PDB file of N, CA and C in Angstrom:
ATOM      1  N   UNK A   1     174.162 -19.994  80.311  1.00  0.00           N
ATOM      2  CA  UNK A   1     175.097 -20.181  81.680  1.00  0.00           C
ATOM      3  C   UNK A   1     174.435 -20.529  82.967  1.00  0.00           C
ATOM      4  N   UNK A   2     173.643 -19.158  83.135  1.00  0.00           N
ATOM      5  CA  UNK A   2     173.109 -18.990  84.421  1.00  0.00           C
ATOM      6  C   UNK A   2     171.591 -20.093  85.004  1.00  0.00           C
ATOM      7  N   UNK A   3     171.060 -20.228  83.536  1.00  0.00           N
ATOM      8  CA  UNK A   3     170.175 -21.460  83.808  1.00  0.00           C
ATOM      9  C   UNK A   3     168.401 -20.923  83.591  1.00  0.00           C
ATOM     10  N   UNK A   4     168.585 -19.457  84.324  1.00  0.00           N
ATOM     11  CA  UNK A   4     166.658 -18.608  84.096  1.00  0.00           C
ATOM     12  C   UNK A   4     167.870 -17.396  83.213  1.00  0.00           C
ATOM     13  N   UNK A   5     166.040 -16.517  83.051  1.00  0.00           N
ATOM     14  CA  UNK A   5     166.756 -15.763  81.858  1.00  0.00           C
ATOM     15  C   UNK A   5     166.302 -14.374  83.446  1.00  0.00           C
ATOM     16  N   UNK A   6     166.479 -14.620  84.521  1.00  0.00           N
ATOM     17  CA  UNK A   6     165.920 -13.760  85.974  1.00  0.00           C
ATOM     18  C   UNK A   6     167.251 -13.102  86.439  1.00  0.00           C
ATOM     19  N   UNK A   7     167.597 -12.478  85.725  1.00  0.00           N
ATOM     20  CA  UNK A   7     168.625 -11.381  86.221  1.00  0.00           C
ATOM     21  C   UNK A   7     168.912 -10.099  85.727  1.00  0.00           C
ATOM     22  N   UNK A   8     169.657  -9.330  86.480  1.00  0.00           N
ATOM     23  CA  UNK A   8     170.197  -8.173  85.945  1.00  0.00           C
ATOM     24  C   UNK A   8     170.636  -7.660  84.959  1.00  0.00           C
ATOM     25  N   UNK A   9     170.085  -6.665  84.137  1.00  0.00           N
ATOM     26  CA  UNK A   9     170.776  -5.921  82.877  1.00  0.00           C
ATOM     27  C   UNK A   9     171.043  -4.399  82.369  1.00  0.00           C
ATOM     28  N   UNK A  10     172.250  -4.947  82.894  1.00  0.00           N
ATOM     29  CA  UNK A  10     172.262  -3.176  82.745  1.00  0.00           C
ATOM     30  C   UNK A  10     172.886  -2.785  81.023  1.00  0.00           C
ATOM     31  N   UNK A  11     171.987  -1.385  80.693  1.00  0.00           N
ATOM     32  CA  UNK A  11     171.758  -1.217  79.333  1.00  0.00           C
ATOM     33  C   UNK A  11     172.061  -0.103  78.976  1.00  0.00           C
ATOM     34  N   UNK A  12     173.096   0.236  78.465  1.00  0.00           N
ATOM     35  CA  UNK A  12     173.653   1.711  77.641  1.00  0.00           C
ATOM     36  C   UNK A  12     173.472   1.968  76.662  1.00  0.00           C
ATOM     37  N   UNK A  13     172.691   2.920  76.666  1.00  0.00           N
ATOM     38  CA  UNK A  13     172.209   4.141  75.625  1.00  0.00           C
ATOM     39  C   UNK A  13     173.621   4.590  74.832  1.00  0.00           C
ATOM     40  N   UNK A  14     173.650   4.393  73.613  1.00  0.00           N
ATOM     41  CA  UNK A  14     174.365   4.523  72.995  1.00  0.00           C
ATOM     42  C   UNK A  14     173.750   5.704  71.855  1.00  0.00           C
ATOM     43  N   UNK A  15     173.454   5.864  71.408  1.00  0.00           N
ATOM     44  CA  UNK A  15     172.673   7.108  70.892  1.00  0.00           C
ATOM     45  C   UNK A  15     171.748   6.124  69.460  1.00  0.00           C
ATOM     46  N   UNK A  16     171.611   7.447  68.148  1.00  0.00           N
ATOM     47  CA  UNK A  16     170.749   6.416  67.068  1.00  0.00           C
ATOM     48  C   UNK A  16     171.542   6.885  65.643  1.00  0.00           C
ATOM     49  N   UNK A  17     172.060   6.259  65.266  1.00  0.00           N
ATOM     50  CA  UNK A  17     172.876   6.429  63.626  1.00  0.00           C
ATOM     51  C   UNK A  17     172.236   7.833  62.727  1.00  0.00           C
ATOM     52  N   UNK A  18     171.355   8.245  63.434  1.00  0.00           N
ATOM     53  CA  UNK A  18     170.756   8.719  62.433  1.00  0.00           C
ATOM     54  C   UNK A  18     171.276  10.428  62.828  1.00  0.00           C
ATOM     55  N   UNK A  19     171.090  10.090  64.526  1.00  0.00           N
ATOM     56  CA  UNK A  19     171.330  11.619  65.368  1.00  0.00           C
ATOM     57  C   UNK A  19     172.820  11.589  64.833  1.00  0.00           C
ATOM     58  N   UNK A  20     173.543  11.182  64.897  1.00  0.00           N
ATOM     59  CA  UNK A  20     174.882  11.537  64.080  1.00  0.00           C
ATOM     60  C   UNK A  20     174.799  12.072  62.731  1.00  0.00           C
ATOM     61  N   UNK A  21     173.731  12.142  61.965  1.00  0.00           N
ATOM     62  CA  UNK A  21     173.921  11.926  60.460  1.00  0.00           C
ATOM     63  C   UNK A  21     174.520  10.515  59.912  1.00  0.00           C
ATOM     64  N   UNK A  22     174.642   9.611  60.452  1.00  0.00           N
ATOM     65  CA  UNK A  22     175.208   8.190  59.705  1.00  0.00           C
ATOM     66  C   UNK A  22     174.104   7.628  58.997  1.00  0.00           C
ATOM     67  N   UNK A  23     174.601   6.772  58.381  1.00  0.00           N
ATOM     68  CA  UNK A  23     173.277   6.166  56.789  1.00  0.00           C
ATOM     69  C   UNK A  23     173.405   4.771  57.046  1.00  0.00           C
ATOM     70  N   UNK A  24     173.585   4.386  58.618  1.00  0.00           N
ATOM     71  CA  UNK A  24     173.227   2.846  58.172  1.00  0.00           C
ATOM     72  C   UNK A  24     172.468   2.149  59.194  1.00  0.00           C
ATOM     73  N   UNK A  25     172.236   0.802  59.534  1.00  0.00           N
ATOM     74  CA  UNK A  25     171.268  -0.226  60.222  1.00  0.00           C
ATOM     75  C   UNK A  25     171.695   0.362  62.224  1.00  0.00           C
ATOM     76  N   UNK A  26     170.304   0.265  62.588  1.00  0.00           N
ATOM     77  CA  UNK A  26     171.183   0.817  64.067  1.00  0.00           C
ATOM     78  C   UNK A  26     171.565  -0.434  64.666  1.00  0.00           C
ATOM     79  N   UNK A  27     171.046  -1.890  64.329  1.00  0.00           N
ATOM     80  CA  UNK A  27     172.192  -2.904  64.649  1.00  0.00           C
ATOM     81  C   UNK A  27     173.010  -2.527  63.961  1.00  0.00           C
ATOM     82  N   UNK A  28     173.608  -2.302  63.615  1.00  0.00           N
ATOM     83  CA  UNK A  28     175.357  -2.239  63.048  1.00  0.00           C
ATOM     84  C   UNK A  28     175.619  -1.293  64.102  1.00  0.00           C
ATOM     85  N   UNK A  29     175.377  -0.063  63.751  1.00  0.00           N
ATOM     86  CA  UNK A  29     175.401   1.063  64.810  1.00  0.00           C
ATOM     87  C   UNK A  29     175.123   0.707  66.140  1.00  0.00           C
ATOM     88  N   UNK A  30     174.808   0.233  67.304  1.00  0.00           N
ATOM     89  CA  UNK A  30     174.859  -0.212  68.296  1.00  0.00           C
ATOM     90  C   UNK A  30     175.670  -1.856  68.527  1.00  0.00           C
ATOM     91  N   UNK A  31     175.955  -2.085  67.349  1.00  0.00           N
ATOM     92  CA  UNK A  31     176.972  -3.574  68.006  1.00  0.00           C
ATOM     93  C   UNK A  31     178.795  -2.686  67.286  1.00  0.00           C
ATOM     94  N   UNK A  32     178.894  -1.816  67.450  1.00  0.00           N
ATOM     95  CA  UNK A  32     180.323  -1.404  66.857  1.00  0.00           C
ATOM     96  C   UNK A  32     181.236  -1.207  68.043  1.00  0.00           C
ATOM     97  N   UNK A  33     182.204  -0.923  67.371  1.00  0.00           N
ATOM     98  CA  UNK A  33     182.628  -0.540  69.410  1.00  0.00           C
ATOM     99  C   UNK A  33     183.161   1.024  69.572  1.00  0.00           C
ATOM    100  N   UNK A  34     182.470   1.546  70.927  1.00  0.00           N
ATOM    101  CA  UNK A  34     182.297   3.098  70.791  1.00  0.00           C
ATOM    102  C   UNK A  34     183.319   3.787  70.395  1.00  0.00           C
ATOM    103  N   UNK A  35     183.229   5.034  69.771  1.00  0.00           N
ATOM    104  CA  UNK A  35     183.870   6.026  69.367  1.00  0.00           C
ATOM    105  C   UNK A  35     184.741   6.762  71.069  1.00  0.00           C
ATOM    106  N   UNK A  36     185.734   6.976  70.523  1.00  0.00           N
ATOM    107  CA  UNK A  36     186.976   7.012  71.518  1.00  0.00           C
ATOM    108  C   UNK A  36     186.251   8.074  72.655  1.00  0.00           C
ATOM    109  N   UNK A  37     184.954   9.577  71.788  1.00  0.00           N
ATOM    110  CA  UNK A  37     184.667  10.171  72.784  1.00  0.00           C
ATOM    111  C   UNK A  37     183.474   9.452  73.600  1.00  0.00           C
ATOM    112  N   UNK A  38     182.978   8.600  72.886  1.00  0.00           N
ATOM    113  CA  UNK A  38     182.434   7.764  73.870  1.00  0.00           C
ATOM    114  C   UNK A  38     182.569   7.136  75.196  1.00  0.00           C
ATOM    115  N   UNK A  39     183.875   6.393  75.223  1.00  0.00           N
ATOM    116  CA  UNK A  39     184.744   5.846  75.919  1.00  0.00           C
ATOM    117  C   UNK A  39     183.979   6.179  77.369  1.00  0.00           C
ATOM    118  N   UNK A  40     184.916   7.695  77.523  1.00  0.00           N
ATOM    119  CA  UNK A  40     184.620   7.770  78.934  1.00  0.00           C
ATOM    120  C   UNK A  40     182.997   8.124  79.440  1.00  0.00           C
ATOM    121  N   UNK A  41     181.964   8.065  78.716  1.00  0.00           N
ATOM    122  CA  UNK A  41     180.656   8.276  79.139  1.00  0.00           C
ATOM    123  C   UNK A  41     180.251   7.091  79.606  1.00  0.00           C
ATOM    124  N   UNK A  42     180.380   5.601  78.816  1.00  0.00           N
ATOM    125  CA  UNK A  42     180.661   4.514  78.747  1.00  0.00           C
ATOM    126  C   UNK A  42     181.083   4.042  80.508  1.00  0.00           C
ATOM    127  N   UNK A  43     182.047   4.048  80.627  1.00  0.00           N
ATOM    128  CA  UNK A  43     183.080   3.934  81.821  1.00  0.00           C
ATOM    129  C   UNK A  43     182.411   4.277  82.965  1.00  0.00           C
ATOM    130  N   UNK A  44     181.564   6.208  82.819  1.00  0.00           N
ATOM    131  CA  UNK A  44     180.539   7.002  84.460  1.00  0.00           C
ATOM    132  C   UNK A  44     179.568   5.909  84.148  1.00  0.00           C
ATOM    133  N   UNK A  45     179.006   5.627  83.653  1.00  0.00           N
ATOM    134  CA  UNK A  45     177.567   4.767  83.437  1.00  0.00           C
ATOM    135  C   UNK A  45     177.981   3.807  84.451  1.00  0.00           C
ATOM    136  N   UNK A  46     179.219   3.366  83.826  1.00  0.00           N
ATOM    137  CA  UNK A  46     179.355   1.898  84.438  1.00  0.00           C
ATOM    138  C   UNK A  46     179.895   2.204  86.239  1.00  0.00           C
ATOM    139  N   UNK A  47     180.991   3.081  86.706  1.00  0.00           N
ATOM    140  CA  UNK A  47     180.795   3.791  87.591  1.00  0.00           C
ATOM    141  C   UNK A  47     179.723   3.901  88.680  1.00  0.00           C
ATOM    142  N   UNK A  48     178.405   4.553  88.021  1.00  0.00           N
ATOM    143  CA  UNK A  48     177.308   5.200  88.749  1.00  0.00           C
ATOM    144  C   UNK A  48     176.622   3.800  88.616  1.00  0.00           C
ATOM    145  N   UNK A  49     176.984   2.982  88.247  1.00  0.00           N
ATOM    146  CA  UNK A  49     175.802   1.359  88.229  1.00  0.00           C
ATOM    147  C   UNK A  49     176.965   0.748  89.658  1.00  0.00           C
ATOM    148  N   UNK A  50     177.916   0.696  89.867  1.00  0.00           N
ATOM    149  CA  UNK A  50     178.655   0.441  90.634  1.00  0.00           C
ATOM    150  C   UNK A  50     178.295   0.495  92.277  1.00  0.00           C
ATOM    151  N   UNK A  51     178.293   2.136  91.980  1.00  0.00           N
ATOM    152  CA  UNK A  51     177.940   2.681  93.298  1.00  0.00           C
ATOM    153  C   UNK A  51     176.403   2.699  93.392  1.00  0.00           C
ATOM    154  N   UNK A  52     176.262   2.712  92.731  1.00  0.00           N
ATOM    155  CA  UNK A  52     174.503   1.944  93.096  1.00  0.00           C
ATOM    156  C   UNK A  52     173.779   0.217  94.192  1.00  0.00           C
ATOM    157  N   UNK A  53     175.157  -0.164  93.664  1.00  0.00           N
ATOM    158  CA  UNK A  53     175.048  -1.667  94.027  1.00  0.00           C
ATOM    159  C   UNK A  53     174.256  -2.093  95.187  1.00  0.00           C
ATOM    160  N   UNK A  54     175.322  -0.597  96.151  1.00  0.00           N
ATOM    161  CA  UNK A  54     174.222  -1.289  97.799  1.00  0.00           C
ATOM    162  C   UNK A  54     172.705  -1.014  97.747  1.00  0.00           C
ATOM    163  N   UNK A  55     172.329   0.275  96.954  1.00  0.00           N
ATOM    164  CA  UNK A  55     170.677   0.162  96.610  1.00  0.00           C
ATOM    165  C   UNK A  55     169.956  -1.093  96.269  1.00  0.00           C
ATOM    166  N   UNK A  56     170.740  -1.249  94.913  1.00  0.00           N
ATOM    167  CA  UNK A  56     170.472  -2.786  94.236  1.00  0.00           C
ATOM    168  C   UNK A  56     170.477  -4.401  95.098  1.00  0.00           C
ATOM    169  N   UNK A  57     171.179  -3.892  96.086  1.00  0.00           N
ATOM    170  CA  UNK A  57     170.862  -5.045  96.538  1.00  0.00           C
ATOM    171  C   UNK A  57     170.471  -5.474  98.083  1.00  0.00           C
ATOM    172  N   UNK A  58     169.627  -4.113  98.493  1.00  0.00           N
ATOM    173  CA  UNK A  58     169.005  -4.134  99.499  1.00  0.00           C
ATOM    174  C   UNK A  58     167.556  -4.057  99.057  1.00  0.00           C
ATOM    175  N   UNK A  59     167.188  -4.197  97.325  1.00  0.00           N
ATOM    176  CA  UNK A  59     165.839  -4.187  96.740  1.00  0.00           C
ATOM    177  C   UNK A  59     164.867  -2.710  96.717  1.00  0.00           C
ATOM    178  N   UNK A  60     166.048  -1.384  97.004  1.00  0.00           N
ATOM    179  CA  UNK A  60     165.955   0.142  96.729  1.00  0.00           C
ATOM    180  C   UNK A  60     166.118   0.293  94.871  1.00  0.00           C
ATOM    181  N   UNK A  61     165.142  -0.489  93.901  1.00  0.00           N
ATOM    182  CA  UNK A  61     165.524  -0.578  92.241  1.00  0.00           C
ATOM    183  C   UNK A  61     165.140   1.382  92.320  1.00  0.00           C
ATOM    184  N   UNK A  62     164.114   1.560  92.706  1.00  0.00           N
ATOM    185  CA  UNK A  62     163.881   3.498  92.434  1.00  0.00           C
ATOM    186  C   UNK A  62     164.871   4.063  92.605  1.00  0.00           C
ATOM    187  N   UNK A  63     165.790   4.064  94.049  1.00  0.00           N
ATOM    188  CA  UNK A  63     166.602   5.125  94.245  1.00  0.00           C
ATOM    189  C   UNK A  63     168.318   4.481  93.195  1.00  0.00           C
ATOM    190  N   UNK A  64     168.081   3.558  92.936  1.00  0.00           N
ATOM    191  CA  UNK A  64     169.234   2.526  92.417  1.00  0.00           C
ATOM    192  C   UNK A  64     169.329   3.265  91.416  1.00  0.00           C
ATOM    193  N   UNK A  65     168.068   3.188  90.396  1.00  0.00           N
ATOM    194  CA  UNK A  65     167.767   3.715  88.508  1.00  0.00           C
ATOM    195  C   UNK A  65     168.053   4.878  88.854  1.00  0.00           C
ATOM    196  N   UNK A  66     167.829   5.660  89.820  1.00  0.00           N
ATOM    197  CA  UNK A  66     167.314   7.827  89.995  1.00  0.00           C
ATOM    198  C   UNK A  66     169.613   7.346  90.102  1.00  0.00           C
ATOM    199  N   UNK A  67     170.002   6.859  90.522  1.00  0.00           N
ATOM    200  CA  UNK A  67     171.351   7.461  91.281  1.00  0.00           C
ATOM    201  C   UNK A  67     172.235   6.568  89.496  1.00  0.00           C
ATOM    202  N   UNK A  68     171.406   5.990  89.062  1.00  0.00           N
ATOM    203  CA  UNK A  68     172.094   5.282  87.764  1.00  0.00           C
ATOM    204  C   UNK A  68     172.241   5.928  86.514  1.00  0.00           C
ATOM    205  N   UNK A  69     171.166   6.686  85.986  1.00  0.00           N
ATOM    206  CA  UNK A  69     170.438   7.234  85.095  1.00  0.00           C
ATOM    207  C   UNK A  69     170.278   8.447  85.717  1.00  0.00           C
ATOM    208  N   UNK A  70     171.174   9.021  86.543  1.00  0.00           N
ATOM    209  CA  UNK A  70     171.039  10.652  86.806  1.00  0.00           C
ATOM    210  C   UNK A  70     172.831  10.718  86.236  1.00  0.00           C
ATOM    211  N   UNK A  71     172.443  11.766  85.613  1.00  0.00           N
ATOM    212  CA  UNK A  71     174.420  12.862  85.160  1.00  0.00           C
ATOM    213  C   UNK A  71     175.103  13.028  86.732  1.00  0.00           C
ATOM    214  N   UNK A  72     176.388  13.006  86.828  1.00  0.00           N
ATOM    215  CA  UNK A  72     176.641  14.222  87.772  1.00  0.00           C
ATOM    216  C   UNK A  72     176.484  15.669  87.957  1.00  0.00           C
ATOM    217  N   UNK A  73     175.745  16.469  88.143  1.00  0.00           N
ATOM    218  CA  UNK A  73     176.364  17.636  87.879  1.00  0.00           C
ATOM    219  C   UNK A  73     177.586  17.800  87.558  1.00  0.00           C
ATOM    220  N   UNK A  74     178.205  18.900  86.912  1.00  0.00           N
ATOM    221  CA  UNK A  74     179.782  19.607  86.459  1.00  0.00           C
ATOM    222  C   UNK A  74     179.965  20.174  88.081  1.00  0.00           C
ATOM    223  N   UNK A  75     181.028  19.812  88.647  1.00  0.00           N
ATOM    224  CA  UNK A  75     181.621  20.307  89.178  1.00  0.00           C
ATOM    225  C   UNK A  75     181.761  22.263  89.221  1.00  0.00           C
ATOM    226  N   UNK A  76     181.558  22.715  90.011  1.00  0.00           N
ATOM    227  CA  UNK A  76     181.229  23.962  90.422  1.00  0.00           C
ATOM    228  C   UNK A  76     183.049  24.721  90.084  1.00  0.00           C
ATOM    229  N   UNK A  77     182.940  25.552  89.176  1.00  0.00           N
ATOM    230  CA  UNK A  77     184.644  26.375  89.531  1.00  0.00           C
ATOM    231  C   UNK A  77     185.002  27.178  90.183  1.00  0.00           C
ATOM    232  N   UNK A  78     185.528  27.002  91.199  1.00  0.00           N
ATOM    233  CA  UNK A  78     185.790  28.521  92.167  1.00  0.00           C
ATOM    234  C   UNK A  78     185.985  29.674  91.400  1.00  0.00           C
ATOM    235  N   UNK A  79     185.207  30.830  91.844  1.00  0.00           N
ATOM    236  CA  UNK A  79     185.655  31.742  91.460  1.00  0.00           C
ATOM    237  C   UNK A  79     186.841  32.687  91.232  1.00  0.00           C
ATOM    238  N   UNK A  80     187.700  33.250  91.153  1.00  0.00           N
ATOM    239  CA  UNK A  80     188.813  34.002  91.332  1.00  0.00           C
ATOM    240  C   UNK A  80     188.762  34.758  92.219  1.00  0.00           C
ATOM    241  N   UNK A  81     189.703  35.069  93.303  1.00  0.00           N
ATOM    242  CA  UNK A  81     190.111  36.265  94.089  1.00  0.00           C
ATOM    243  C   UNK A  81     191.006  37.500  94.153  1.00  0.00           C
ATOM    244  N   UNK A  82     189.950  38.519  94.305  1.00  0.00           N
ATOM    245  CA  UNK A  82     191.097  39.498  93.751  1.00  0.00           C
ATOM    246  C   UNK A  82     192.118  39.663  95.077  1.00  0.00           C
TER     247      UNK A  82
END
């Protein structure tokens, strides 16, 4: 449709069937619908990519790649006060 192979791709890792103890070909594993517990992780990866668009548009691929591939640290829970 684009008439060129020159376009950006977002690849999201979905793991490997052996890491889950599954005995199925990798191609079947990656082409199936994500499990329920994987869906939020995929959504988070897409959100990080959308947030990184500003760096991609500027050509700052290093910063964009770091932002896309770095999982955010979990929020610290406040210590209870006595």
